[in-house]
Amino acid sequence: MTPIDWRRLADALEFYKAAGFIEVGVDWHVSPGIHQITCTDPSRMFHLKEYGVLVGSAEQSFIGMQLEGRLGPGRYVALTPCFRDEGAERDDIHGLYFAKVELYSTLPYPERELMALHAFAATFMWGQCNLQIDTVPTEEGLDLEIAGMEVGSYSSRSFRGISWTCGTGLAEPRFSMACARS
């Protein structure tokens, strides 16, 4: 397996903070109810006896904070591990865990925020590997791809009266793998 490039993840955090994102330390576990907002399949969750489940991404942590009223209007960034049981899809790019810089916005105008987060990420990623990065529309929003490999996903969502826009600032080791394959 390609190793996680921790330097690149640190560079991503610095890039987004310099662009005005507020860095937040978020929990690495959430309640099953929060987890199910973005992942409805309970078999993909990693349960912790007393703490709920490990996050599939920091999006889930941010959602919990927003629902609790601990996240005001703004653009945020966090670095967390992501734990996902991909089941039969497990291969060299779908493992049980990876590290990701997550972008999260609670600002209004979700279409504008979707395009903004996507543009920030495309700019950062292009600066890291200087390869063609394609934008691919999806049912939920937009993806970024390098040579056909998805390296970022961006969407706007709502739940119980809150709305947010989120996306990948950088996921490792997938991004390094995509750069190496191109």
N, C-alpha and C. Protein backbone atom coordinates (compact mmCIF):
# COMPACT_ATOMS: atom_id res chain seq x y z
N MET A 1 0.85 -1.19 0.00
CA MET A 1 0.00 0.00 0.00
C MET A 1 0.89 1.24 0.00
N THR A 2 0.48 2.24 -0.74
CA THR A 2 1.19 3.51 -0.78
C THR A 2 1.09 4.17 0.59
N PRO A 3 2.20 4.68 1.12
CA PRO A 3 2.14 5.32 2.44
C PRO A 3 1.41 6.66 2.38
N ILE A 4 0.86 7.06 3.50
CA ILE A 4 0.21 8.36 3.63
C ILE A 4 1.29 9.43 3.62
N ASP A 5 1.10 10.46 2.82
CA ASP A 5 2.04 11.57 2.76
C ASP A 5 1.59 12.64 3.77
N TRP A 6 2.12 12.53 4.98
CA TRP A 6 1.73 13.43 6.07
C TRP A 6 2.16 14.87 5.80
N ARG A 7 3.28 15.06 5.12
CA ARG A 7 3.74 16.41 4.78
C ARG A 7 2.72 17.08 3.85
N ARG A 8 2.23 16.32 2.88
CA ARG A 8 1.25 16.86 1.93
C ARG A 8 -0.06 17.22 2.66
N LEU A 9 -0.47 16.41 3.62
CA LEU A 9 -1.66 16.71 4.41
C LEU A 9 -1.45 17.99 5.23
N ALA A 10 -0.27 18.14 5.82
CA ALA A 10 0.04 19.36 6.58
C ALA A 10 0.05 20.58 5.66
N ASP A 11 0.60 20.41 4.46
CA ASP A 11 0.60 21.51 3.48
C ASP A 11 -0.83 21.89 3.10
N ALA A 12 -1.70 20.89 2.97
CA ALA A 12 -3.10 21.16 2.64
C ALA A 12 -3.75 21.99 3.74
N LEU A 13 -3.54 21.60 4.98
CA LEU A 13 -4.11 22.38 6.09
C LEU A 13 -3.64 23.83 6.03
N GLU A 14 -2.37 24.03 5.81
CA GLU A 14 -1.83 25.40 5.75
C GLU A 14 -2.42 26.18 4.57
N PHE A 15 -2.57 25.52 3.44
CA PHE A 15 -3.15 26.17 2.25
C PHE A 15 -4.56 26.66 2.55
N TYR A 16 -5.39 25.78 3.11
CA TYR A 16 -6.78 26.16 3.36
C TYR A 16 -6.90 27.20 4.46
N LYS A 17 -6.06 27.12 5.48
CA LYS A 17 -6.08 28.15 6.53
C LYS A 17 -5.68 29.50 5.95
N ALA A 18 -4.68 29.52 5.06
CA ALA A 18 -4.27 30.77 4.42
C ALA A 18 -5.38 31.33 3.54
N ALA A 19 -6.27 30.45 3.05
CA ALA A 19 -7.39 30.88 2.21
C ALA A 19 -8.60 31.31 3.06
N GLY A 20 -8.46 31.29 4.38
CA GLY A 20 -9.53 31.77 5.25
C GLY A 20 -10.36 30.71 5.94
N PHE A 21 -10.08 29.44 5.71
CA PHE A 21 -10.79 28.37 6.41
C PHE A 21 -10.33 28.35 7.87
N ILE A 22 -11.23 28.05 8.76
CA ILE A 22 -10.93 27.97 10.18
C ILE A 22 -10.65 26.52 10.54
N GLU A 23 -9.46 26.24 11.06
CA GLU A 23 -9.12 24.87 11.45
C GLU A 23 -9.84 24.51 12.75
N VAL A 24 -10.47 23.33 12.75
CA VAL A 24 -11.21 22.86 13.90
C VAL A 24 -10.72 21.45 14.26
N GLY A 25 -10.49 21.22 15.54
CA GLY A 25 -10.22 19.87 16.03
C GLY A 25 -11.57 19.19 16.24
N VAL A 26 -11.82 18.13 15.54
CA VAL A 26 -13.12 17.46 15.61
C VAL A 26 -12.95 16.05 16.18
N ASP A 27 -14.04 15.51 16.71
CA ASP A 27 -14.02 14.14 17.24
C ASP A 27 -13.82 13.12 16.13
N TRP A 28 -13.20 12.03 16.48
CA TRP A 28 -13.00 10.93 15.53
C TRP A 28 -14.10 9.88 15.67
N HIS A 29 -15.07 10.15 16.50
CA HIS A 29 -16.21 9.24 16.68
C HIS A 29 -17.47 10.07 16.81
N VAL A 30 -18.58 9.49 16.37
CA VAL A 30 -19.90 10.14 16.44
C VAL A 30 -20.93 9.09 16.83
N SER A 31 -22.14 9.53 17.11
CA SER A 31 -23.22 8.59 17.39
C SER A 31 -23.59 7.87 16.09
N PRO A 32 -24.13 6.66 16.20
CA PRO A 32 -24.60 5.98 14.98
C PRO A 32 -25.62 6.82 14.20
N GLY A 33 -26.45 7.60 14.91
CA GLY A 33 -27.44 8.43 14.23
C GLY A 33 -26.79 9.50 13.36
N ILE A 34 -25.73 10.13 13.84
CA ILE A 34 -25.01 11.12 13.04
C ILE A 34 -24.34 10.41 11.85
N HIS A 35 -23.71 9.28 12.10
CA HIS A 35 -23.03 8.53 11.04
C HIS A 35 -24.00 8.19 9.91
N GLN A 36 -25.22 7.80 10.27
CA GLN A 36 -26.19 7.37 9.27
C GLN A 36 -26.71 8.50 8.39
N ILE A 37 -26.46 9.75 8.75
CA ILE A 37 -26.87 10.87 7.90
C ILE A 37 -26.15 10.80 6.56
N THR A 38 -24.89 10.36 6.58
CA THR A 38 -24.11 10.28 5.34
C THR A 38 -23.82 8.86 4.89
N CYS A 39 -24.07 7.88 5.75
CA CYS A 39 -23.83 6.47 5.41
C CYS A 39 -24.93 5.63 6.03
N THR A 40 -25.90 5.24 5.23
CA THR A 40 -27.08 4.56 5.77
C THR A 40 -26.88 3.06 5.99
N ASP A 41 -25.73 2.52 5.60
CA ASP A 41 -25.48 1.09 5.74
C ASP A 41 -24.73 0.82 7.05
N PRO A 42 -25.43 0.28 8.08
CA PRO A 42 -24.78 0.05 9.37
C PRO A 42 -23.63 -0.96 9.32
N SER A 43 -23.59 -1.82 8.31
CA SER A 43 -22.51 -2.80 8.23
C SER A 43 -21.17 -2.15 7.90
N ARG A 44 -21.19 -0.89 7.45
CA ARG A 44 -19.95 -0.19 7.11
C ARG A 44 -19.36 0.57 8.30
N MET A 45 -20.06 0.56 9.45
CA MET A 45 -19.62 1.31 10.63
C MET A 45 -18.66 0.50 11.47
N PHE A 46 -17.74 1.21 12.11
CA PHE A 46 -16.82 0.62 13.08
C PHE A 46 -17.28 1.07 14.46
N HIS A 47 -17.91 0.16 15.19
CA HIS A 47 -18.51 0.49 16.49
C HIS A 47 -17.47 0.49 17.60
N LEU A 48 -17.61 1.48 18.49
CA LEU A 48 -16.83 1.58 19.72
C LEU A 48 -17.82 1.39 20.86
N LYS A 49 -17.51 0.54 21.82
CA LYS A 49 -18.47 0.21 22.86
C LYS A 49 -19.15 1.42 23.50
N GLU A 50 -18.37 2.35 23.99
CA GLU A 50 -18.94 3.45 24.76
C GLU A 50 -19.01 4.77 24.00
N TYR A 51 -18.44 4.84 22.81
CA TYR A 51 -18.29 6.13 22.15
C TYR A 51 -19.05 6.27 20.84
N GLY A 52 -19.81 5.31 20.43
CA GLY A 52 -20.52 5.39 19.16
C GLY A 52 -19.77 4.65 18.07
N VAL A 53 -19.48 5.34 16.98
CA VAL A 53 -18.78 4.73 15.85
C VAL A 53 -17.67 5.67 15.37
N LEU A 54 -16.63 5.09 14.78
CA LEU A 54 -15.56 5.88 14.19
C LEU A 54 -16.09 6.60 12.96
N VAL A 55 -15.59 7.80 12.71
CA VAL A 55 -16.11 8.59 11.59
C VAL A 55 -15.68 8.03 10.24
N GLY A 56 -16.59 8.13 9.28
CA GLY A 56 -16.27 7.83 7.89
C GLY A 56 -15.55 9.00 7.26
N SER A 57 -15.79 10.20 7.78
CA SER A 57 -15.05 11.41 7.42
C SER A 57 -15.38 12.49 8.43
N ALA A 58 -14.59 13.56 8.43
CA ALA A 58 -14.85 14.66 9.36
C ALA A 58 -16.19 15.34 9.07
N GLU A 59 -16.75 15.12 7.91
CA GLU A 59 -18.09 15.67 7.63
C GLU A 59 -19.04 15.27 8.74
N GLN A 60 -18.99 14.02 9.17
CA GLN A 60 -19.88 13.54 10.22
C GLN A 60 -19.63 14.28 11.53
N SER A 61 -18.37 14.53 11.87
CA SER A 61 -18.04 15.28 13.08
C SER A 61 -18.58 16.70 13.00
N PHE A 62 -18.38 17.34 11.84
CA PHE A 62 -18.88 18.69 11.65
C PHE A 62 -20.41 18.74 11.76
N ILE A 63 -21.10 17.76 11.18
CA ILE A 63 -22.56 17.71 11.26
C ILE A 63 -23.00 17.67 12.72
N GLY A 64 -22.36 16.81 13.51
CA GLY A 64 -22.69 16.72 14.93
C GLY A 64 -22.49 18.05 15.63
N MET A 65 -21.39 18.73 15.35
CA MET A 65 -21.12 20.03 15.95
C MET A 65 -22.17 21.06 15.53
N GLN A 66 -22.53 21.03 14.26
CA GLN A 66 -23.51 21.98 13.75
C GLN A 66 -24.88 21.73 14.38
N LEU A 67 -25.28 20.47 14.49
CA LEU A 67 -26.56 20.14 15.12
C LEU A 67 -26.60 20.57 16.59
N GLU A 68 -25.46 20.53 17.25
CA GLU A 68 -25.37 20.92 18.66
C GLU A 68 -25.21 22.43 18.83
N GLY A 69 -25.17 23.18 17.73
CA GLY A 69 -25.02 24.62 17.81
C GLY A 69 -23.60 25.09 18.11
N ARG A 70 -22.61 24.22 17.88
CA ARG A 70 -21.21 24.57 18.17
C ARG A 70 -20.44 25.02 16.94
N LEU A 71 -21.13 25.25 15.83
CA LEU A 71 -20.47 25.64 14.58
C LEU A 71 -21.30 26.74 13.93
N GLY A 72 -20.80 27.95 13.95
CA GLY A 72 -21.51 29.08 13.35
C GLY A 72 -21.25 29.17 11.87
N PRO A 73 -21.73 30.24 11.25
CA PRO A 73 -21.51 30.43 9.82
C PRO A 73 -20.02 30.59 9.51
N GLY A 74 -19.54 29.88 8.51
CA GLY A 74 -18.14 30.00 8.12
C GLY A 74 -17.69 28.83 7.28
N ARG A 75 -16.41 28.89 6.92
CA ARG A 75 -15.74 27.79 6.20
C ARG A 75 -14.72 27.18 7.15
N TYR A 76 -14.76 25.86 7.24
CA TYR A 76 -13.95 25.14 8.21
C TYR A 76 -13.10 24.07 7.52
N VAL A 77 -12.03 23.66 8.21
CA VAL A 77 -11.17 22.59 7.72
C VAL A 77 -10.73 21.74 8.91
N ALA A 78 -10.64 20.45 8.69
CA ALA A 78 -10.16 19.52 9.72
C ALA A 78 -9.43 18.36 9.06
N LEU A 79 -8.51 17.78 9.80
CA LEU A 79 -7.78 16.58 9.36
C LEU A 79 -8.13 15.45 10.30
N THR A 80 -8.67 14.36 9.74
CA THR A 80 -9.00 13.19 10.55
C THR A 80 -8.68 11.92 9.78
N PRO A 81 -8.58 10.82 10.52
CA PRO A 81 -8.62 9.54 9.83
C PRO A 81 -10.07 9.30 9.40
N CYS A 82 -10.25 8.49 8.40
CA CYS A 82 -11.58 8.09 7.93
C CYS A 82 -11.62 6.57 7.95
N PHE A 83 -12.63 6.03 8.61
CA PHE A 83 -12.76 4.59 8.75
C PHE A 83 -13.98 4.14 7.96
N ARG A 84 -13.75 3.27 6.96
CA ARG A 84 -14.85 2.82 6.11
C ARG A 84 -14.67 1.34 5.78
N ASP A 85 -15.68 0.57 6.07
CA ASP A 85 -15.65 -0.84 5.69
C ASP A 85 -16.24 -0.94 4.29
N GLU A 86 -15.38 -1.04 3.31
CA GLU A 86 -15.81 -1.07 1.91
C GLU A 86 -16.26 -2.47 1.48
N GLY A 87 -16.13 -3.45 2.37
CA GLY A 87 -16.59 -4.80 2.06
C GLY A 87 -15.94 -5.37 0.82
N ALA A 88 -16.76 -5.81 -0.11
CA ALA A 88 -16.27 -6.46 -1.34
C ALA A 88 -15.50 -5.50 -2.23
N GLU A 89 -15.69 -4.19 -2.04
CA GLU A 89 -14.99 -3.20 -2.87
C GLU A 89 -13.55 -2.97 -2.42
N ARG A 90 -13.12 -3.60 -1.34
CA ARG A 90 -11.79 -3.35 -0.81
C ARG A 90 -10.72 -3.75 -1.83
N ASP A 91 -9.84 -2.81 -2.13
CA ASP A 91 -8.73 -3.05 -3.05
C ASP A 91 -7.62 -2.06 -2.69
N ASP A 92 -6.70 -1.82 -3.61
CA ASP A 92 -5.57 -0.95 -3.28
C ASP A 92 -5.96 0.51 -3.07
N ILE A 93 -7.13 0.94 -3.54
CA ILE A 93 -7.54 2.33 -3.29
C ILE A 93 -8.76 2.42 -2.38
N HIS A 94 -9.33 1.31 -1.97
CA HIS A 94 -10.46 1.28 -1.03
C HIS A 94 -10.07 0.44 0.18
N GLY A 95 -9.40 1.06 1.14
CA GLY A 95 -8.97 0.34 2.33
C GLY A 95 -9.93 0.56 3.49
N LEU A 96 -9.54 0.08 4.66
CA LEU A 96 -10.36 0.26 5.85
C LEU A 96 -10.22 1.65 6.45
N TYR A 97 -9.15 2.34 6.11
CA TYR A 97 -8.94 3.67 6.67
C TYR A 97 -7.99 4.46 5.77
N PHE A 98 -8.06 5.77 5.91
CA PHE A 98 -7.17 6.69 5.22
C PHE A 98 -7.21 8.00 5.99
N ALA A 99 -6.44 8.98 5.56
CA ALA A 99 -6.44 10.29 6.22
C ALA A 99 -6.98 11.32 5.23
N LYS A 100 -7.75 12.28 5.76
CA LYS A 100 -8.36 13.26 4.86
C LYS A 100 -8.46 14.62 5.52
N VAL A 101 -8.14 15.63 4.72
CA VAL A 101 -8.44 17.01 5.06
C VAL A 101 -9.82 17.28 4.49
N GLU A 102 -10.75 17.61 5.37
CA GLU A 102 -12.15 17.84 4.98
C GLU A 102 -12.44 19.34 4.98
N LEU A 103 -13.11 19.81 3.94
CA LEU A 103 -13.59 21.18 3.85
C LEU A 103 -15.07 21.18 4.17
N TYR A 104 -15.52 22.16 4.95
CA TYR A 104 -16.92 22.18 5.39
C TYR A 104 -17.37 23.63 5.49
N SER A 105 -18.48 23.94 4.88
CA SER A 105 -19.01 25.31 4.90
C SER A 105 -20.45 25.31 5.39
N THR A 106 -20.73 26.25 6.29
CA THR A 106 -22.10 26.46 6.76
C THR A 106 -22.67 27.75 6.18
N LEU A 107 -21.96 28.34 5.22
CA LEU A 107 -22.40 29.58 4.60
C LEU A 107 -23.59 29.33 3.68
N PRO A 108 -24.43 30.38 3.49
CA PRO A 108 -25.58 30.21 2.58
C PRO A 108 -25.12 30.11 1.12
N TYR A 109 -26.08 29.93 0.25
CA TYR A 109 -25.84 29.80 -1.19
C TYR A 109 -25.03 28.55 -1.50
N PRO A 110 -25.62 27.38 -1.29
CA PRO A 110 -24.90 26.12 -1.45
C PRO A 110 -24.26 25.92 -2.82
N GLU A 111 -24.90 26.38 -3.88
CA GLU A 111 -24.29 26.20 -5.22
C GLU A 111 -22.98 26.97 -5.32
N ARG A 112 -22.97 28.19 -4.78
CA ARG A 112 -21.75 28.99 -4.78
C ARG A 112 -20.67 28.33 -3.92
N GLU A 113 -21.08 27.83 -2.75
CA GLU A 113 -20.11 27.19 -1.86
C GLU A 113 -19.57 25.90 -2.47
N LEU A 114 -20.43 25.15 -3.15
CA LEU A 114 -19.98 23.92 -3.82
C LEU A 114 -18.88 24.26 -4.83
N MET A 115 -19.11 25.27 -5.63
CA MET A 115 -18.11 25.66 -6.63
C MET A 115 -16.85 26.20 -5.96
N ALA A 116 -17.00 26.93 -4.86
CA ALA A 116 -15.84 27.49 -4.17
C ALA A 116 -14.96 26.39 -3.56
N LEU A 117 -15.57 25.45 -2.84
CA LEU A 117 -14.78 24.38 -2.23
C LEU A 117 -14.08 23.56 -3.31
N HIS A 118 -14.81 23.27 -4.37
CA HIS A 118 -14.26 22.52 -5.51
C HIS A 118 -13.07 23.27 -6.10
N ALA A 119 -13.19 24.58 -6.29
CA ALA A 119 -12.11 25.37 -6.89
C ALA A 119 -10.89 25.45 -5.98
N PHE A 120 -11.10 25.64 -4.67
CA PHE A 120 -9.97 25.65 -3.73
C PHE A 120 -9.21 24.33 -3.81
N ALA A 121 -9.95 23.21 -3.78
CA ALA A 121 -9.31 21.89 -3.79
C ALA A 121 -8.59 21.63 -5.10
N ALA A 122 -9.21 21.98 -6.23
CA ALA A 122 -8.56 21.77 -7.53
C ALA A 122 -7.27 22.57 -7.61
N THR A 123 -7.28 23.78 -7.10
CA THR A 123 -6.08 24.62 -7.11
C THR A 123 -4.97 24.00 -6.27
N PHE A 124 -5.32 23.55 -5.06
CA PHE A 124 -4.31 22.93 -4.20
C PHE A 124 -3.76 21.66 -4.85
N MET A 125 -4.64 20.80 -5.30
CA MET A 125 -4.20 19.51 -5.86
C MET A 125 -3.34 19.71 -7.11
N TRP A 126 -3.75 20.62 -7.99
CA TRP A 126 -2.96 20.85 -9.18
C TRP A 126 -1.56 21.33 -8.80
N GLY A 127 -1.46 22.17 -7.80
CA GLY A 127 -0.16 22.65 -7.34
C GLY A 127 0.71 21.56 -6.76
N GLN A 128 0.12 20.47 -6.35
CA GLN A 128 0.87 19.36 -5.76
C GLN A 128 1.43 18.41 -6.80
N CYS A 129 0.73 18.23 -7.90
CA CYS A 129 1.22 17.23 -8.86
C CYS A 129 1.24 17.72 -10.31
N ASN A 130 0.72 18.92 -10.57
CA ASN A 130 0.80 19.52 -11.90
C ASN A 130 0.30 18.60 -13.02
N LEU A 131 -0.77 17.85 -12.70
CA LEU A 131 -1.40 16.97 -13.68
C LEU A 131 -2.80 17.48 -13.99
N GLN A 132 -3.35 17.03 -15.09
CA GLN A 132 -4.72 17.40 -15.43
C GLN A 132 -5.68 16.85 -14.38
N ILE A 133 -6.52 17.72 -13.88
CA ILE A 133 -7.54 17.33 -12.90
C ILE A 133 -8.89 17.62 -13.53
N ASP A 134 -9.68 16.57 -13.68
CA ASP A 134 -10.98 16.69 -14.34
C ASP A 134 -12.10 16.87 -13.33
N THR A 135 -13.10 17.65 -13.69
CA THR A 135 -14.31 17.81 -12.90
C THR A 135 -15.38 16.92 -13.50
N VAL A 136 -15.99 16.11 -12.66
CA VAL A 136 -17.02 15.16 -13.11
C VAL A 136 -18.30 15.40 -12.30
N PRO A 137 -19.39 15.79 -12.96
CA PRO A 137 -20.66 15.95 -12.25
C PRO A 137 -21.15 14.60 -11.72
N THR A 138 -21.73 14.60 -10.53
CA THR A 138 -22.29 13.40 -9.92
C THR A 138 -23.72 13.70 -9.47
N GLU A 139 -24.43 12.68 -9.00
CA GLU A 139 -25.78 12.88 -8.48
C GLU A 139 -25.78 13.81 -7.27
N GLU A 140 -24.70 13.77 -6.48
CA GLU A 140 -24.64 14.56 -5.26
C GLU A 140 -23.94 15.90 -5.44
N GLY A 141 -23.20 16.10 -6.53
CA GLY A 141 -22.46 17.35 -6.70
C GLY A 141 -21.39 17.24 -7.77
N LEU A 142 -20.13 17.28 -7.34
CA LEU A 142 -18.99 17.22 -8.25
C LEU A 142 -17.90 16.33 -7.68
N ASP A 143 -17.16 15.69 -8.56
CA ASP A 143 -15.95 14.97 -8.18
C ASP A 143 -14.76 15.59 -8.90
N LEU A 144 -13.59 15.42 -8.33
CA LEU A 144 -12.33 15.71 -9.02
C LEU A 144 -11.67 14.38 -9.30
N GLU A 145 -11.13 14.22 -10.51
CA GLU A 145 -10.46 12.98 -10.90
C GLU A 145 -9.12 13.28 -11.55
N ILE A 146 -8.17 12.41 -11.28
CA ILE A 146 -6.88 12.41 -11.98
C ILE A 146 -6.79 11.07 -12.69
N ALA A 147 -6.68 11.11 -14.03
CA ALA A 147 -6.59 9.91 -14.84
C ALA A 147 -7.69 8.90 -14.50
N GLY A 148 -8.91 9.39 -14.30
CA GLY A 148 -10.04 8.52 -14.02
C GLY A 148 -10.18 8.07 -12.57
N MET A 149 -9.25 8.45 -11.69
CA MET A 149 -9.34 8.09 -10.27
C MET A 149 -9.90 9.27 -9.49
N GLU A 150 -10.99 9.03 -8.77
CA GLU A 150 -11.60 10.08 -7.96
C GLU A 150 -10.66 10.46 -6.82
N VAL A 151 -10.36 11.76 -6.72
CA VAL A 151 -9.49 12.25 -5.64
C VAL A 151 -10.22 13.26 -4.75
N GLY A 152 -11.47 13.56 -5.06
CA GLY A 152 -12.24 14.48 -4.24
C GLY A 152 -13.70 14.48 -4.63
N SER A 153 -14.57 14.61 -3.63
CA SER A 153 -16.02 14.68 -3.86
C SER A 153 -16.56 15.89 -3.11
N TYR A 154 -17.56 16.58 -3.72
CA TYR A 154 -18.10 17.82 -3.19
C TYR A 154 -19.62 17.79 -3.31
N SER A 155 -20.30 18.17 -2.22
CA SER A 155 -21.76 18.14 -2.23
C SER A 155 -22.32 19.15 -1.24
N SER A 156 -23.59 19.49 -1.42
CA SER A 156 -24.34 20.32 -0.48
C SER A 156 -25.50 19.48 0.02
N ARG A 157 -25.74 19.53 1.33
CA ARG A 157 -26.78 18.70 1.93
C ARG A 157 -27.53 19.46 3.01
N SER A 158 -28.65 18.89 3.43
CA SER A 158 -29.46 19.45 4.53
C SER A 158 -29.96 18.30 5.38
N PHE A 159 -30.19 18.61 6.67
CA PHE A 159 -30.73 17.62 7.59
C PHE A 159 -31.27 18.36 8.81
N ARG A 160 -32.51 18.07 9.19
CA ARG A 160 -33.12 18.64 10.39
C ARG A 160 -32.86 20.14 10.57
N GLY A 161 -33.07 20.88 9.52
CA GLY A 161 -32.97 22.33 9.61
C GLY A 161 -31.59 22.93 9.47
N ILE A 162 -30.58 22.11 9.27
CA ILE A 162 -29.24 22.65 9.02
C ILE A 162 -28.83 22.32 7.59
N SER A 163 -27.98 23.15 7.03
CA SER A 163 -27.46 22.93 5.68
C SER A 163 -25.96 23.10 5.71
N TRP A 164 -25.27 22.38 4.83
CA TRP A 164 -23.82 22.48 4.75
C TRP A 164 -23.35 22.08 3.36
N THR A 165 -22.14 22.49 3.06
CA THR A 165 -21.46 22.09 1.84
C THR A 165 -20.12 21.54 2.29
N CYS A 166 -19.72 20.42 1.69
CA CYS A 166 -18.47 19.81 2.14
C CYS A 166 -17.73 19.19 0.96
N GLY A 167 -16.48 18.85 1.22
CA GLY A 167 -15.70 18.21 0.18
C GLY A 167 -14.29 17.89 0.65
N THR A 168 -13.61 17.17 -0.19
CA THR A 168 -12.25 16.70 0.10
C THR A 168 -11.25 17.81 -0.16
N GLY A 169 -10.49 18.15 0.87
CA GLY A 169 -9.36 19.06 0.69
C GLY A 169 -8.15 18.30 0.19
N LEU A 170 -7.98 17.07 0.71
CA LEU A 170 -6.94 16.15 0.26
C LEU A 170 -7.14 14.82 0.98
N ALA A 171 -7.12 13.72 0.26
CA ALA A 171 -7.22 12.38 0.85
C ALA A 171 -5.94 11.61 0.53
N GLU A 172 -5.37 11.04 1.56
CA GLU A 172 -4.14 10.26 1.41
C GLU A 172 -4.34 8.86 1.94
N PRO A 173 -3.84 7.85 1.27
CA PRO A 173 -2.83 7.91 0.22
C PRO A 173 -3.38 7.98 -1.20
N ARG A 174 -4.71 8.10 -1.36
CA ARG A 174 -5.30 8.06 -2.70
C ARG A 174 -4.72 9.13 -3.63
N PHE A 175 -4.56 10.37 -3.14
CA PHE A 175 -4.04 11.41 -4.00
C PHE A 175 -2.63 11.07 -4.49
N SER A 176 -1.78 10.60 -3.60
CA SER A 176 -0.41 10.23 -4.01
C SER A 176 -0.44 9.08 -5.01
N MET A 177 -1.37 8.15 -4.82
CA MET A 177 -1.49 7.03 -5.77
C MET A 177 -1.91 7.54 -7.14
N ALA A 178 -2.86 8.47 -7.20
CA ALA A 178 -3.33 9.01 -8.47
C ALA A 178 -2.19 9.75 -9.18
N CYS A 179 -1.42 10.52 -8.42
CA CYS A 179 -0.29 11.25 -9.03
C CYS A 179 0.75 10.28 -9.56
N ALA A 180 1.02 9.22 -8.84
CA ALA A 180 2.03 8.24 -9.26
C ALA A 180 1.57 7.45 -10.49
N ARG A 181 0.26 7.19 -10.61
CA ARG A 181 -0.26 6.42 -11.74
C ARG A 181 -0.31 7.21 -13.03
N SER A 182 -0.32 8.54 -12.95
CA SER A 182 -0.47 9.36 -14.14
C SER A 182 0.84 9.61 -14.85
